[in-house]
Amino acid sequence: MTGAIEQQRFMCGIGGMQTVVAIPRAVPILHSGPGCGNMVAGFFERSSGYAGGSTAPCTNFSETEVVFGGEKRLENIIRNSYKILDTDLQVVLTGCAPAIVGDDAGSVAKSFAEEGKPIVYVETPGFKGSNFLAHETIVNAITDQYVDRFVYGNSERNPALVNLFATIPFQDQFWKGNLEEFKRVLEGIGLEVNALFGPCSSGVEEWKTIPRAGFNIVVSPWYGLAIARHLERKYGTPFYHFPYLPIGGNETTKFLRGVADYANSHGANLEDERVEHFIEKEEHAFYEELDSLATFLLEFRYGLPSFVHIFHDSNYVVGMCKFLLHETGIVPKEQFITEDVPEEYHESIRSEIASVSEKKKIPVYFEPDAGLAQRIVYESSHDGRGLVIGSGWDKQLAVDKNCDFLSAALPSPYRLVLTTRYAGYKGGLRLIEDIYSKALDTYN
């Protein structure tokens, strides 16, 4: 994607600092201009973590450093950070200006690493790509520069241990709840899970066990695949790829059975009886709640959404389309994938959306410029009551089109999210609650 876009829904590369913030007791150290951390904090909101956002150590790269170099300043910032912050991992991230003038921040970080410090260096200037790509680059850098130190003598594989790559922290505002749900259901069928990020991770100690995993799990159409392929080359760890967010009963069951089959084919020896018992129990709880909606759905059938437009990243667009059509009857109309998806993944994502329904064609647009995307909806016309799922940018669109609106993507100024989840069995129920509650809000 080149040129200016309207209604931005992702960050430049320095936004990858949130990947670091999401690791318990890790701290990003910014070798960048003074506005970068504030810009990131402003976009993601409520995202400071242990030492992120505007509180992250920063060299405040200025004209002086452009002329004379900022390596000495970076060295001082790192050394002083050790004195002030009690952290388990430090990750130096570079902004645009230091990268343009050629500062060798890597050698500065390496000098501390040679002293035994747990420090990593990553180039994340905005002109190298979005925070989606930076997330993968940062995870791979931590693996290469830090995790690798602990491989030898501690590399015996555990076939039942998995590394989970299923979300981009903070870019996915439901990341904490989603990781918690993934960990819950995967442990429910007998696996051990390295969540790696958030409260359900044990932090850096968990990262050290990455090479011991029997396999990796990627839940996404594309982001996370570069991480899994890197780990496969580096440690020979195979990976299971589920190409969208599983939401609700149908897709979560499909996900778990796929994982279980893959795990057993790679030596995990999961008990089939345990897997099926867990799935049966979870499905029963899920569909019991849907059964209880029967009277409500019958009574309000003419006042509930019948079609939906989604403005979100590809993981959510595919997952929500499958869930909403098959488990609520809400028909996906024009869909908009708002992250800058690499061209090589477009066809597989289109195929996945085409498979949602054999009878209905679902138009999908890869459009990071959400202003252009909204124009398509303004020009569309569909019978029935509509629903718009998107970011705060899309609220006025929903009002203008007389549709219900659910805030589920960034930026999200109209909603506070703590541990809400949309993934899995519990996430499907929560999504139904949120959609129908929005519809009921319109009744006086």
Foldseek 3Di string as FASTA:
>chain_A
DDDDFAPFFFAFQLLLQLLQLQFPQEAEAEAEALCSLQVSCVFLPPRCHQQGRNRGHYLNDDPVCLVVNCQVSSLVSVVVCVVPGDGQAYEYEYEDSCVVSPHPNVVSQVVVVVVVHRYWYFYGYRVVGTSLVSNLRVLLRSCVSPLVVLCPPQQAAQLQEEEEAEDRPSQQLQLQQQLVQVCVLSVQQPGHYQPSGHDVHPGPVSVNCNNRYLAYEYQALDRPVSNRVSSCVVNVHHYDYHHAFAFALPRQLVVLVSVVVVSVVSPNPGDPVSNVVSSVVLNVVLVVVVVVCVVVCVVCVQLAAQEEEEEEALRCQLNVQLCCCPPVNRHYEEYEHQGQDPPVSVVVSLVSNCVSDPVDRHHYYDHNNVVVVLVVVVPDDDDGAYEYEEAPVCPVSCVVVVHQYDHRGIPHPPDDDDNQALGDNNNNVVVVVRRVVSSVVPPD
